[in-house]
Each structure stands twice: as structure tokens, then as C-alpha cells.
Amino acid sequence: MNYLSLNKNYWEKGYNAPNVDHQVFRFYGRILKPQFQLGGNFEKLVDFGCGQGAAVNYFANHGFNVKGVDISNTDISIAQARFSHIADRFCVCDPCPQNNEYYGFHEDVDVITAIQSLYYFNDEDFEACMEKLWKSMKPGGVFFATMMGEKSSEFFDNSKDAGNGLRVVNFKNDRLEVKEYYMSFIKDEEHLIKKFSMFKPVHIGYYAAKLRSDEGDGFHYTFCGIK
């Protein structure tokens, strides 16, 4: 079984997330609305890796023509039931980027968000995915992604090189078990900018939160750029 299938099996367990993550509303409130004046005019927005759909519902409520895509049939089904008024905004995508013609919309996308969803590809598949996302965007479109950093020690320190830009993670604590979990990590800001070199960088940031003494802080970089 290849790494894409293993990761899909992991996410088919479902990830319970009924509420909007802070990265979403802070991106909207601090960058998207004040700097780019986007929202309220039915602008096209794609949430790549939408999970159970809270961000899709959030952006729909702020006037976007939004679609959410995810590899998890389980999470998409939950999203469609939980947000039945926008059930048609959710769709399942193939875990292999080469098997998807496009994500969400074919063209003229104003905004793409990818919250903790783009670091599950090897280098080749990442490039294929990014090419399709980039092609779907209009010139001047806004791209926002969050990527796990090597500073996320619980994951990185329990990983081994798997080749082609991936590491395989295995660990267990009192709350969760991570087994044969394939990820890529960002070393520093320079690496992040290089990873998204098809976009002009606008804002580089990070977030981390440690709530339990027996867990790591989940360090992630944030990247905002324009096409």
C-alpha cells in the first residue's frame, strides 16, 4: 500500500472538528478582509482539505462562493449532514493529485485556503497538486496555507526519512496514536517561501499551542501569497 492510501485510511477514521479553527477567522479578519477587501461579493474560494466543513460554512456566511474538497469520504459525509444548507459545496477528491482535473472550481478562483492539508504529499505529488491549484486561480488571487515545521518536535523527532521529501511518523501518547503517517516538514521561512515559489509572498507567520505537558506544541508556519 502506497503512502497516499495509508494516509487516506488514517483520515477515513474521521477528524471531529465542528468549530472553525483560529487560523481561519484570523486569516479572514487580519488579512483577507482588511488588506484585500474580499468577502461579500460571492468571490470564489476553495478550501483544500476542508475536513468536516466548518471553514466552508464560515466563508459561505461571509459572502463567498465557496467549495470544500477533502480525501475523506467520512468527513465529507459529516460536513454535508452538519451543513445541509450548503451540502452541494462539498466534494471528495482523489488522494492522488494526478487523478484530479481540478479542485473545487476549474478557473477564476479568488482565494485558496489549505489549512494543515498540504504536507501529506511527496515532492512530486506536491508539485502536481500545486500546479492544479495555481492554474485555477485568477491573477492576483490570494493563497493561504499552513505547514508543519520541524519545530513541531513530537512529530518530527518521532519521524524517519522516507525519501522524496517525506518522513514517516510513528508515536503514541495518552490521547492519540500515529502510525505509518507520512508527512513533509518545513525547516525554516526560507524553505517555506521556496516551497510556494509560484506565489509572491505577502505575509509569513507561525502558530503553536501547547495545552498538555505530555504533548508537543504543533508548530506550524503560515504562508500568504498572491498569484
C-alpha atoms as a PDB file:
ATOM      1  CA  MET A   1       0.000   0.000   0.000  1.00  0.00           C
ATOM      2  CA  ASN A   2       1.480   3.372  -1.006  1.00  0.00           C
ATOM      3  CA  TYR A   3       1.727   6.392   1.269  1.00  0.00           C
ATOM      4  CA  LEU A   4      -1.328   8.130  -0.219  1.00  0.00           C
ATOM      5  CA  SER A   5      -3.526   5.122   0.525  1.00  0.00           C
ATOM      6  CA  LEU A   6      -2.152   4.841   4.053  1.00  0.00           C
ATOM      7  CA  ASN A   7      -2.889   8.486   4.748  1.00  0.00           C
ATOM      8  CA  LYS A   8      -6.386   8.195   3.264  1.00  0.00           C
ATOM      9  CA  ASN A   9      -7.093   5.229   5.535  1.00  0.00           C
ATOM     10  CA  TYR A  10      -5.989   7.333   8.503  1.00  0.00           C
ATOM     11  CA  TRP A  11      -8.328  10.206   7.638  1.00  0.00           C
ATOM     12  CA  GLU A  12     -11.260   7.903   6.903  1.00  0.00           C
ATOM     13  CA  LYS A  13     -11.460   7.432  10.674  1.00  0.00           C
ATOM     14  CA  GLY A  14     -12.802  10.978  10.716  1.00  0.00           C
ATOM     15  CA  TYR A  15     -11.491  14.054  12.497  1.00  0.00           C
ATOM     16  CA  ASN A  16     -14.118  15.651  14.718  1.00  0.00           C
ATOM     17  CA  ALA A  17     -13.932  19.401  14.120  1.00  0.00           C
ATOM     18  CA  PRO A  18     -17.337  21.094  14.423  1.00  0.00           C
ATOM     19  CA  ASN A  19     -15.896  24.565  15.056  1.00  0.00           C
ATOM     20  CA  VAL A  20     -13.859  26.969  12.954  1.00  0.00           C
ATOM     21  CA  ASP A  21     -10.129  26.875  13.707  1.00  0.00           C
ATOM     22  CA  HIS A  22      -8.495  30.131  14.798  1.00  0.00           C
ATOM     23  CA  GLN A  23      -6.288  30.160  11.702  1.00  0.00           C
ATOM     24  CA  VAL A  24      -9.393  30.585   9.542  1.00  0.00           C
ATOM     25  CA  PHE A  25     -11.093  33.528  11.231  1.00  0.00           C
ATOM     26  CA  ARG A  26      -7.794  35.271  11.941  1.00  0.00           C
ATOM     27  CA  PHE A  27      -6.751  34.953   8.293  1.00  0.00           C
ATOM     28  CA  TYR A  28     -10.078  36.460   7.278  1.00  0.00           C
ATOM     29  CA  GLY A  29     -10.117  39.172   9.938  1.00  0.00           C
ATOM     30  CA  ARG A  30      -6.464  40.204   9.775  1.00  0.00           C
ATOM     31  CA  ILE A  31      -5.574  39.713   6.110  1.00  0.00           C
ATOM     32  CA  LEU A  32      -8.309  38.749   3.672  1.00  0.00           C
ATOM     33  CA  LYS A  33     -10.897  41.395   4.544  1.00  0.00           C
ATOM     34  CA  PRO A  34      -8.786  44.419   5.594  1.00  0.00           C
ATOM     35  CA  GLN A  35      -5.956  44.050   3.092  1.00  0.00           C
ATOM     36  CA  PHE A  36      -7.689  42.562   0.052  1.00  0.00           C
ATOM     37  CA  GLN A  37     -11.290  43.672   0.681  1.00  0.00           C
ATOM     38  CA  LEU A  38     -12.558  40.194  -0.141  1.00  0.00           C
ATOM     39  CA  GLY A  39     -15.816  38.744   1.121  1.00  0.00           C
ATOM     40  CA  GLY A  40     -19.453  39.610   0.489  1.00  0.00           C
ATOM     41  CA  ASN A  41     -19.356  39.602  -3.295  1.00  0.00           C
ATOM     42  CA  PHE A  42     -19.669  35.849  -3.923  1.00  0.00           C
ATOM     43  CA  GLU A  43     -15.947  35.548  -4.673  1.00  0.00           C
ATOM     44  CA  LYS A  44     -14.782  32.030  -5.488  1.00  0.00           C
ATOM     45  CA  LEU A  45     -12.930  30.383  -2.604  1.00  0.00           C
ATOM     46  CA  VAL A  46     -11.622  26.818  -2.372  1.00  0.00           C
ATOM     47  CA  ASP A  47     -10.846  25.227   0.988  1.00  0.00           C
ATOM     48  CA  PHE A  48      -8.405  22.421   0.200  1.00  0.00           C
ATOM     49  CA  GLY A  49      -8.622  19.723   2.866  1.00  0.00           C
ATOM     50  CA  CYS A  50     -11.884  21.036   4.288  1.00  0.00           C
ATOM     51  CA  GLY A  51     -12.489  18.130   6.668  1.00  0.00           C
ATOM     52  CA  GLN A  52     -15.921  18.372   8.272  1.00  0.00           C
ATOM     53  CA  GLY A  53     -16.637  21.717   6.683  1.00  0.00           C
ATOM     54  CA  ALA A  54     -16.606  24.342   9.441  1.00  0.00           C
ATOM     55  CA  ALA A  55     -14.412  26.724   7.429  1.00  0.00           C
ATOM     56  CA  VAL A  56     -16.543  26.268   4.317  1.00  0.00           C
ATOM     57  CA  ASN A  57     -19.625  27.247   6.306  1.00  0.00           C
ATOM     58  CA  TYR A  58     -17.744  30.206   7.824  1.00  0.00           C
ATOM     59  CA  PHE A  59     -16.695  31.577   4.455  1.00  0.00           C
ATOM     60  CA  ALA A  60     -20.163  30.978   2.982  1.00  0.00           C
ATOM     61  CA  ASN A  61     -21.600  33.063   5.831  1.00  0.00           C
ATOM     62  CA  HIS A  62     -19.145  35.820   4.898  1.00  0.00           C
ATOM     63  CA  GLY A  63     -20.406  36.005   1.346  1.00  0.00           C
ATOM     64  CA  PHE A  64     -18.024  33.746  -0.572  1.00  0.00           C
ATOM     65  CA  ASN A  65     -18.923  31.292  -3.311  1.00  0.00           C
ATOM     66  CA  VAL A  66     -17.012  28.552  -1.530  1.00  0.00           C
ATOM     67  CA  LYS A  67     -16.301  24.906  -2.201  1.00  0.00           C
ATOM     68  CA  GLY A  68     -14.559  22.441   0.100  1.00  0.00           C
ATOM     69  CA  VAL A  69     -12.628  19.385  -1.054  1.00  0.00           C
ATOM     70  CA  ASP A  70     -11.190  16.547   1.001  1.00  0.00           C
ATOM     71  CA  ILE A  71      -9.954  12.975   0.532  1.00  0.00           C
ATOM     72  CA  SER A  72     -12.060  11.655   3.436  1.00  0.00           C
ATOM     73  CA  ASN A  73     -15.468  10.291   2.462  1.00  0.00           C
ATOM     74  CA  THR A  74     -16.259  10.110   6.174  1.00  0.00           C
ATOM     75  CA  ASP A  75     -15.610  13.786   6.830  1.00  0.00           C
ATOM     76  CA  ILE A  76     -17.357  14.979   3.664  1.00  0.00           C
ATOM     77  CA  SER A  77     -20.460  12.985   4.603  1.00  0.00           C
ATOM     78  CA  ILE A  78     -20.440  14.585   8.056  1.00  0.00           C
ATOM     79  CA  ALA A  79     -19.970  18.042   6.521  1.00  0.00           C
ATOM     80  CA  GLN A  80     -22.930  17.542   4.184  1.00  0.00           C
ATOM     81  CA  ALA A  81     -25.145  16.422   7.068  1.00  0.00           C
ATOM     82  CA  ARG A  82     -23.972  19.112   9.502  1.00  0.00           C
ATOM     83  CA  PHE A  83     -24.234  21.940   6.972  1.00  0.00           C
ATOM     84  CA  SER A  84     -27.102  20.602   4.880  1.00  0.00           C
ATOM     85  CA  HIS A  85     -27.966  24.074   3.561  1.00  0.00           C
ATOM     86  CA  ILE A  86     -24.665  24.048   1.627  1.00  0.00           C
ATOM     87  CA  ALA A  87     -24.283  20.286   1.111  1.00  0.00           C
ATOM     88  CA  ASP A  88     -23.578  20.784  -2.585  1.00  0.00           C
ATOM     89  CA  ARG A  89     -20.458  22.829  -1.727  1.00  0.00           C
ATOM     90  CA  PHE A  90     -18.549  19.745  -0.537  1.00  0.00           C
ATOM     91  CA  CYS A  91     -16.855  17.106  -2.677  1.00  0.00           C
ATOM     92  CA  VAL A  92     -14.445  14.208  -2.253  1.00  0.00           C
ATOM     93  CA  CYS A  93     -11.183  14.407  -4.189  1.00  0.00           C
ATOM     94  CA  ASP A  94      -8.781  11.632  -5.091  1.00  0.00           C
ATOM     95  CA  PRO A  95      -5.743  11.435  -2.784  1.00  0.00           C
ATOM     96  CA  CYS A  96      -3.510  11.323  -5.876  1.00  0.00           C
ATOM     97  CA  PRO A  97      -3.287  14.831  -7.395  1.00  0.00           C
ATOM     98  CA  GLN A  98      -2.719  13.475 -10.887  1.00  0.00           C
ATOM     99  CA  ASN A  99      -6.205  11.928 -10.793  1.00  0.00           C
ATOM    100  CA  ASN A 100      -7.991  15.234 -10.191  1.00  0.00           C
ATOM    101  CA  GLU A 101      -8.671  17.555 -13.101  1.00  0.00           C
ATOM    102  CA  TYR A 102      -9.087  20.490 -10.704  1.00  0.00           C
ATOM    103  CA  TYR A 103     -10.075  21.231  -7.108  1.00  0.00           C
ATOM    104  CA  GLY A 104     -13.406  22.913  -6.460  1.00  0.00           C
ATOM    105  CA  PHE A 105     -13.556  25.303  -9.398  1.00  0.00           C
ATOM    106  CA  HIS A 106     -11.944  24.985 -12.803  1.00  0.00           C
ATOM    107  CA  GLU A 107     -10.994  28.663 -13.091  1.00  0.00           C
ATOM    108  CA  ASP A 108     -11.260  32.224 -11.756  1.00  0.00           C
ATOM    109  CA  VAL A 109     -10.684  31.310  -8.112  1.00  0.00           C
ATOM    110  CA  ASP A 110     -10.147  34.369  -5.911  1.00  0.00           C
ATOM    111  CA  VAL A 111      -8.916  32.634  -2.753  1.00  0.00           C
ATOM    112  CA  ILE A 112      -7.475  29.244  -1.827  1.00  0.00           C
ATOM    113  CA  THR A 113      -7.041  28.138   1.772  1.00  0.00           C
ATOM    114  CA  ALA A 114      -5.122  24.998   2.713  1.00  0.00           C
ATOM    115  CA  ILE A 115      -5.094  24.640   6.490  1.00  0.00           C
ATOM    116  CA  GLN A 116      -2.826  21.790   7.611  1.00  0.00           C
ATOM    117  CA  SER A 117      -3.544  19.865   4.411  1.00  0.00           C
ATOM    118  CA  LEU A 118      -0.620  20.277   2.004  1.00  0.00           C
ATOM    119  CA  TYR A 119       2.118  18.485   3.925  1.00  0.00           C
ATOM    120  CA  TYR A 120       0.879  14.983   3.166  1.00  0.00           C
ATOM    121  CA  PHE A 121       2.472  14.813  -0.296  1.00  0.00           C
ATOM    122  CA  ASN A 122       5.891  13.791  -1.513  1.00  0.00           C
ATOM    123  CA  ASP A 123       7.733  16.347  -3.631  1.00  0.00           C
ATOM    124  CA  GLU A 124       6.348  15.093  -6.945  1.00  0.00           C
ATOM    125  CA  ASP A 125       2.732  14.920  -5.809  1.00  0.00           C
ATOM    126  CA  PHE A 126       3.001  18.280  -4.068  1.00  0.00           C
ATOM    127  CA  GLU A 127       4.104  19.916  -7.311  1.00  0.00           C
ATOM    128  CA  ALA A 128       1.235  18.266  -9.202  1.00  0.00           C
ATOM    129  CA  CYS A 129      -1.277  19.454  -6.619  1.00  0.00           C
ATOM    130  CA  MET A 130       0.082  22.991  -6.528  1.00  0.00           C
ATOM    131  CA  GLU A 131       0.079  23.250 -10.311  1.00  0.00           C
ATOM    132  CA  LYS A 132      -3.655  22.490 -10.402  1.00  0.00           C
ATOM    133  CA  LEU A 133      -4.446  24.876  -7.571  1.00  0.00           C
ATOM    134  CA  TRP A 134      -2.348  27.630  -9.150  1.00  0.00           C
ATOM    135  CA  LYS A 135      -3.896  27.182 -12.607  1.00  0.00           C
ATOM    136  CA  SER A 136      -7.409  27.512 -11.185  1.00  0.00           C
ATOM    137  CA  MET A 137      -6.665  30.913  -9.630  1.00  0.00           C
ATOM    138  CA  LYS A 138      -7.171  34.260 -11.284  1.00  0.00           C
ATOM    139  CA  PRO A 139      -4.203  36.677 -11.459  1.00  0.00           C
ATOM    140  CA  GLY A 140      -3.925  38.454  -8.121  1.00  0.00           C
ATOM    141  CA  GLY A 141      -5.693  35.616  -6.328  1.00  0.00           C
ATOM    142  CA  VAL A 142      -4.838  35.082  -2.655  1.00  0.00           C
ATOM    143  CA  PHE A 143      -3.319  31.821  -1.421  1.00  0.00           C
ATOM    144  CA  PHE A 144      -3.087  30.911   2.273  1.00  0.00           C
ATOM    145  CA  ALA A 145      -1.557  27.710   3.658  1.00  0.00           C
ATOM    146  CA  THR A 146      -0.268  26.388   6.954  1.00  0.00           C
ATOM    147  CA  MET A 147       2.593  23.880   7.053  1.00  0.00           C
ATOM    148  CA  MET A 148       4.030  21.846   9.910  1.00  0.00           C
ATOM    149  CA  GLY A 149       7.559  22.872  10.857  1.00  0.00           C
ATOM    150  CA  GLU A 150      10.463  20.801  12.083  1.00  0.00           C
ATOM    151  CA  LYS A 151       9.974  22.672  15.372  1.00  0.00           C
ATOM    152  CA  SER A 152       6.905  20.504  15.914  1.00  0.00           C
ATOM    153  CA  SER A 153       9.122  18.159  17.872  1.00  0.00           C
ATOM    154  CA  GLU A 154       6.605  15.487  18.834  1.00  0.00           C
ATOM    155  CA  PHE A 155       6.034  14.703  15.172  1.00  0.00           C
ATOM    156  CA  PHE A 156       9.470  15.483  13.733  1.00  0.00           C
ATOM    157  CA  ASP A 157      11.516  13.769  16.454  1.00  0.00           C
ATOM    158  CA  ASN A 158       9.416  10.631  16.021  1.00  0.00           C
ATOM    159  CA  SER A 159       9.858  10.509  12.259  1.00  0.00           C
ATOM    160  CA  LYS A 160      12.288   8.889   9.849  1.00  0.00           C
ATOM    161  CA  ASP A 161      13.270   9.859   6.332  1.00  0.00           C
ATOM    162  CA  ALA A 162      11.069   8.114   3.766  1.00  0.00           C
ATOM    163  CA  GLY A 163      12.529   9.716   0.633  1.00  0.00           C
ATOM    164  CA  ASN A 164      11.204  12.211  -1.926  1.00  0.00           C
ATOM    165  CA  GLY A 165      10.578  14.897   0.683  1.00  0.00           C
ATOM    166  CA  LEU A 166       8.569  12.702   3.057  1.00  0.00           C
ATOM    167  CA  ARG A 167       9.105  11.424   6.574  1.00  0.00           C
ATOM    168  CA  VAL A 168       7.148   8.608   8.219  1.00  0.00           C
ATOM    169  CA  VAL A 169       5.878   9.360  11.724  1.00  0.00           C
ATOM    170  CA  ASN A 170       5.169   6.829  14.467  1.00  0.00           C
ATOM    171  CA  PHE A 171       4.355   7.616  18.099  1.00  0.00           C
ATOM    172  CA  LYS A 172       1.731   7.102  20.770  1.00  0.00           C
ATOM    173  CA  ASN A 173       0.666   9.186  23.743  1.00  0.00           C
ATOM    174  CA  ASP A 174      -2.316   9.139  26.101  1.00  0.00           C
ATOM    175  CA  ARG A 175      -4.541  10.904  23.570  1.00  0.00           C
ATOM    176  CA  LEU A 176      -3.634   9.585  20.142  1.00  0.00           C
ATOM    177  CA  GLU A 177      -1.669   7.037  18.176  1.00  0.00           C
ATOM    178  CA  VAL A 178       0.124   7.982  14.971  1.00  0.00           C
ATOM    179  CA  LYS A 179       1.243   5.005  12.913  1.00  0.00           C
ATOM    180  CA  GLU A 180       2.851   4.977   9.445  1.00  0.00           C
ATOM    181  CA  TYR A 181       1.827   8.599   8.976  1.00  0.00           C
ATOM    182  CA  TYR A 182       3.596  10.217   6.014  1.00  0.00           C
ATOM    183  CA  MET A 183       4.333  13.937   6.159  1.00  0.00           C
ATOM    184  CA  SER A 184       6.684  16.614   4.947  1.00  0.00           C
ATOM    185  CA  PHE A 185       8.145  19.254   7.259  1.00  0.00           C
ATOM    186  CA  ILE A 186       9.268  22.844   6.751  1.00  0.00           C
ATOM    187  CA  LYS A 187      12.756  23.660   8.032  1.00  0.00           C
ATOM    188  CA  ASP A 188      12.532  27.454   8.162  1.00  0.00           C
ATOM    189  CA  GLU A 189      10.985  30.503   6.490  1.00  0.00           C
ATOM    190  CA  GLU A 190      13.357  30.283   3.533  1.00  0.00           C
ATOM    191  CA  HIS A 191      12.248  26.706   2.914  1.00  0.00           C
ATOM    192  CA  LEU A 192       8.595  27.780   3.178  1.00  0.00           C
ATOM    193  CA  ILE A 193       8.996  30.550   0.614  1.00  0.00           C
ATOM    194  CA  LYS A 194      10.801  28.187  -1.742  1.00  0.00           C
ATOM    195  CA  LYS A 195       8.032  25.615  -1.329  1.00  0.00           C
ATOM    196  CA  PHE A 196       5.473  28.158  -2.539  1.00  0.00           C
ATOM    197  CA  SER A 197       7.731  29.937  -5.024  1.00  0.00           C
ATOM    198  CA  MET A 198       4.921  30.143  -7.605  1.00  0.00           C
ATOM    199  CA  PHE A 199       3.347  32.853  -5.414  1.00  0.00           C
ATOM    200  CA  LYS A 200       4.586  36.300  -4.407  1.00  0.00           C
ATOM    201  CA  PRO A 201       4.941  36.215  -0.594  1.00  0.00           C
ATOM    202  CA  VAL A 202       2.846  38.748   1.300  1.00  0.00           C
ATOM    203  CA  HIS A 203       2.862  37.525   4.906  1.00  0.00           C
ATOM    204  CA  ILE A 204       4.891  34.808   6.658  1.00  0.00           C
ATOM    205  CA  GLY A 205       3.920  33.769  10.166  1.00  0.00           C
ATOM    206  CA  TYR A 206       3.514  30.849  12.526  1.00  0.00           C
ATOM    207  CA  TYR A 207       1.363  29.459  15.327  1.00  0.00           C
ATOM    208  CA  ALA A 208       1.861  26.915  18.092  1.00  0.00           C
ATOM    209  CA  ALA A 209      -0.086  25.841  21.153  1.00  0.00           C
ATOM    210  CA  LYS A 210       0.845  23.510  23.978  1.00  0.00           C
ATOM    211  CA  LEU A 211      -2.009  22.556  26.310  1.00  0.00           C
ATOM    212  CA  ARG A 212      -0.741  19.258  27.728  1.00  0.00           C
ATOM    213  CA  SER A 213       2.601  18.585  29.376  1.00  0.00           C
ATOM    214  CA  ASP A 214       2.845  15.216  27.606  1.00  0.00           C
ATOM    215  CA  GLU A 215       2.339  16.590  24.078  1.00  0.00           C
ATOM    216  CA  GLY A 216       4.170  18.891  21.682  1.00  0.00           C
ATOM    217  CA  ASP A 217       3.140  22.354  20.555  1.00  0.00           C
ATOM    218  CA  GLY A 218       2.156  21.549  16.951  1.00  0.00           C
ATOM    219  CA  PHE A 219       4.313  24.312  15.450  1.00  0.00           C
ATOM    220  CA  HIS A 220       3.075  25.432  12.013  1.00  0.00           C
ATOM    221  CA  TYR A 221       4.270  28.102   9.603  1.00  0.00           C
ATOM    222  CA  THR A 222       1.714  30.233   7.770  1.00  0.00           C
ATOM    223  CA  PHE A 223       2.146  31.496   4.229  1.00  0.00           C
ATOM    224  CA  CYS A 224       0.057  34.095   2.448  1.00  0.00           C
ATOM    225  CA  GLY A 225       0.876  34.946  -1.146  1.00  0.00           C
ATOM    226  CA  ILE A 226      -0.663  36.205  -4.354  1.00  0.00           C
ATOM    227  CA  LYS A 227      -0.617  34.823  -7.871  1.00  0.00           C
END
